């Protein structure tokens, strides 16, 4: 599980791995891919949201989980943005990039 975009993601070809970020879907924001993945190196298997433990507390943050598979050898980036779907022209509230090295 990778949570820190400042650290490289090192995986082997054929391995599945997870990127997890804090998220607060009640605010209307969600994490999504900012750019398409390099499909010769990475494949998005799926995403899911994990509710906060104390979901009834205002402002409680949950997590978004991106499940990926390393399908080819090389270097690729997973660029994510934190956006509201109805603010398509607005700048993302946050952007992160995970650098992935597949051996």
C-alpha atoms as a PDB file:
ATOM      1  CA  UNK A   1       0.000   0.000   0.000  1.00  0.00           C
ATOM      2  CA  UNK A   2       1.417   3.357  -1.058  1.00  0.00           C
ATOM      3  CA  UNK A   3       0.223   6.577   0.563  1.00  0.00           C
ATOM      4  CA  UNK A   4       3.112   9.027   0.120  1.00  0.00           C
ATOM      5  CA  UNK A   5       3.617  10.484  -3.366  1.00  0.00           C
ATOM      6  CA  UNK A   6       7.116  11.687  -2.415  1.00  0.00           C
ATOM      7  CA  UNK A   7       8.269   8.045  -2.217  1.00  0.00           C
ATOM      8  CA  UNK A   8       8.739   5.941  -5.370  1.00  0.00           C
ATOM      9  CA  UNK A   9       6.527   2.928  -5.962  1.00  0.00           C
ATOM     10  CA  UNK A  10       8.754  -0.080  -6.760  1.00  0.00           C
ATOM     11  CA  UNK A  11       6.970  -3.205  -7.992  1.00  0.00           C
ATOM     12  CA  UNK A  12       7.633  -6.175 -10.225  1.00  0.00           C
ATOM     13  CA  UNK A  13       5.853  -6.911 -13.485  1.00  0.00           C
ATOM     14  CA  UNK A  14       2.679  -8.858 -12.779  1.00  0.00           C
ATOM     15  CA  UNK A  15       2.242  -7.493  -9.245  1.00  0.00           C
ATOM     16  CA  UNK A  16      -0.861  -5.741  -7.995  1.00  0.00           C
ATOM     17  CA  UNK A  17      -0.438  -2.715  -5.755  1.00  0.00           C
ATOM     18  CA  UNK A  18      -2.595  -0.131  -4.013  1.00  0.00           C
ATOM     19  CA  UNK A  19      -2.441   3.653  -3.779  1.00  0.00           C
ATOM     20  CA  UNK A  20      -4.532   5.087  -0.936  1.00  0.00           C
ATOM     21  CA  UNK A  21      -5.337   8.738  -0.245  1.00  0.00           C
ATOM     22  CA  UNK A  22      -7.490  10.481   2.354  1.00  0.00           C
ATOM     23  CA  UNK A  23     -10.811  11.623   0.970  1.00  0.00           C
ATOM     24  CA  UNK A  24     -13.965  13.330   2.185  1.00  0.00           C
ATOM     25  CA  UNK A  25     -16.738  12.451  -0.284  1.00  0.00           C
ATOM     26  CA  UNK A  26     -19.344  14.314   1.788  1.00  0.00           C
ATOM     27  CA  UNK A  27     -17.557  17.535   0.754  1.00  0.00           C
ATOM     28  CA  UNK A  28     -18.237  16.730  -2.893  1.00  0.00           C
ATOM     29  CA  UNK A  29     -14.554  16.170  -3.643  1.00  0.00           C
ATOM     30  CA  UNK A  30     -13.187  12.932  -4.999  1.00  0.00           C
ATOM     31  CA  UNK A  31      -9.834  11.674  -6.240  1.00  0.00           C
ATOM     32  CA  UNK A  32      -9.640  10.691  -9.895  1.00  0.00           C
ATOM     33  CA  UNK A  33      -6.987  10.159 -12.536  1.00  0.00           C
ATOM     34  CA  UNK A  34      -5.658  13.487 -13.802  1.00  0.00           C
ATOM     35  CA  UNK A  35      -4.178  11.831 -16.903  1.00  0.00           C
ATOM     36  CA  UNK A  36      -4.609   8.433 -18.552  1.00  0.00           C
ATOM     37  CA  UNK A  37      -2.229   5.716 -17.387  1.00  0.00           C
ATOM     38  CA  UNK A  38       0.547   4.385 -19.607  1.00  0.00           C
ATOM     39  CA  UNK A  39      -1.380   1.210 -20.465  1.00  0.00           C
ATOM     40  CA  UNK A  40       1.736  -0.642 -21.591  1.00  0.00           C
ATOM     41  CA  UNK A  41       3.041  -0.425 -17.988  1.00  0.00           C
ATOM     42  CA  UNK A  42       0.039   0.044 -15.657  1.00  0.00           C
ATOM     43  CA  UNK A  43      -3.567  -1.080 -15.544  1.00  0.00           C
ATOM     44  CA  UNK A  44      -6.238   0.320 -13.226  1.00  0.00           C
ATOM     45  CA  UNK A  45      -8.079  -2.659 -11.749  1.00  0.00           C
ATOM     46  CA  UNK A  46     -10.585  -0.569  -9.789  1.00  0.00           C
ATOM     47  CA  UNK A  47     -11.269   1.957  -7.064  1.00  0.00           C
ATOM     48  CA  UNK A  48     -13.317   1.976  -3.918  1.00  0.00           C
ATOM     49  CA  UNK A  49     -14.073   4.341  -1.076  1.00  0.00           C
ATOM     50  CA  UNK A  50     -13.540   3.353   2.540  1.00  0.00           C
ATOM     51  CA  UNK A  51     -15.820   5.235   4.921  1.00  0.00           C
ATOM     52  CA  UNK A  52     -14.285   6.841   8.014  1.00  0.00           C
ATOM     53  CA  UNK A  53     -14.482   4.857  11.222  1.00  0.00           C
ATOM     54  CA  UNK A  54     -16.549   7.622  12.830  1.00  0.00           C
ATOM     55  CA  UNK A  55     -18.609   8.463   9.741  1.00  0.00           C
ATOM     56  CA  UNK A  56     -21.186  10.418  11.740  1.00  0.00           C
ATOM     57  CA  UNK A  57     -18.628  13.053  12.777  1.00  0.00           C
ATOM     58  CA  UNK A  58     -18.704  16.185  10.585  1.00  0.00           C
ATOM     59  CA  UNK A  59     -15.584  16.443   8.460  1.00  0.00           C
ATOM     60  CA  UNK A  60     -14.491  12.868   9.134  1.00  0.00           C
ATOM     61  CA  UNK A  61     -12.242  11.703   6.312  1.00  0.00           C
ATOM     62  CA  UNK A  62     -12.295   8.322   4.694  1.00  0.00           C
ATOM     63  CA  UNK A  63      -9.970   6.898   2.080  1.00  0.00           C
ATOM     64  CA  UNK A  64     -10.013   6.252  -1.634  1.00  0.00           C
ATOM     65  CA  UNK A  65      -8.254   3.098  -2.779  1.00  0.00           C
ATOM     66  CA  UNK A  66      -6.826   2.745  -6.299  1.00  0.00           C
ATOM     67  CA  UNK A  67      -5.991  -0.875  -7.178  1.00  0.00           C
ATOM     68  CA  UNK A  68      -3.441  -1.177  -9.977  1.00  0.00           C
ATOM     69  CA  UNK A  69      -1.483  -3.873 -11.762  1.00  0.00           C
ATOM     70  CA  UNK A  70       2.031  -3.608 -13.208  1.00  0.00           C
ATOM     71  CA  UNK A  71       1.631  -5.114 -16.682  1.00  0.00           C
ATOM     72  CA  UNK A  72       4.919  -4.042 -18.282  1.00  0.00           C
ATOM     73  CA  UNK A  73       8.475  -3.127 -17.362  1.00  0.00           C
ATOM     74  CA  UNK A  74       9.417   0.555 -17.217  1.00  0.00           C
ATOM     75  CA  UNK A  75       8.655   3.845 -15.483  1.00  0.00           C
ATOM     76  CA  UNK A  76       5.224   5.430 -15.332  1.00  0.00           C
ATOM     77  CA  UNK A  77       3.318   8.006 -13.326  1.00  0.00           C
ATOM     78  CA  UNK A  78      -0.043   7.857 -11.609  1.00  0.00           C
ATOM     79  CA  UNK A  79      -1.305  11.453 -11.601  1.00  0.00           C
ATOM     80  CA  UNK A  80      -4.356  12.100  -9.430  1.00  0.00           C
ATOM     81  CA  UNK A  81      -6.493  15.173  -8.823  1.00  0.00           C
ATOM     82  CA  UNK A  82      -8.972  16.029  -6.076  1.00  0.00           C
ATOM     83  CA  UNK A  83     -12.009  17.608  -7.746  1.00  0.00           C
ATOM     84  CA  UNK A  84     -15.721  18.282  -7.562  1.00  0.00           C
ATOM     85  CA  UNK A  85     -17.558  16.870 -10.588  1.00  0.00           C
ATOM     86  CA  UNK A  86     -19.749  19.964 -11.016  1.00  0.00           C
ATOM     87  CA  UNK A  87     -16.716  22.299 -11.085  1.00  0.00           C
ATOM     88  CA  UNK A  88     -15.202  20.938 -14.301  1.00  0.00           C
ATOM     89  CA  UNK A  89     -13.507  24.234 -15.201  1.00  0.00           C
ATOM     90  CA  UNK A  90     -12.130  24.899 -11.700  1.00  0.00           C
ATOM     91  CA  UNK A  91      -8.576  24.021 -10.750  1.00  0.00           C
ATOM     92  CA  UNK A  92      -8.286  20.845  -8.644  1.00  0.00           C
ATOM     93  CA  UNK A  93      -8.147  21.386  -4.894  1.00  0.00           C
ATOM     94  CA  UNK A  94      -5.067  19.136  -4.858  1.00  0.00           C
ATOM     95  CA  UNK A  95      -2.873  17.154  -7.242  1.00  0.00           C
ATOM     96  CA  UNK A  96      -0.425  14.341  -6.531  1.00  0.00           C
ATOM     97  CA  UNK A  97       1.868  12.207  -8.660  1.00  0.00           C
ATOM     98  CA  UNK A  98       3.107   8.753  -7.747  1.00  0.00           C
ATOM     99  CA  UNK A  99       6.186   7.683  -9.718  1.00  0.00           C
ATOM    100  CA  UNK A 100       6.121   3.952 -10.419  1.00  0.00           C
ATOM    101  CA  UNK A 101       9.127   1.794 -11.307  1.00  0.00           C
ATOM    102  CA  UNK A 102       8.253  -1.652 -12.649  1.00  0.00           C
ATOM    103  CA  UNK A 103      11.028  -4.260 -12.840  1.00  0.00           C
END
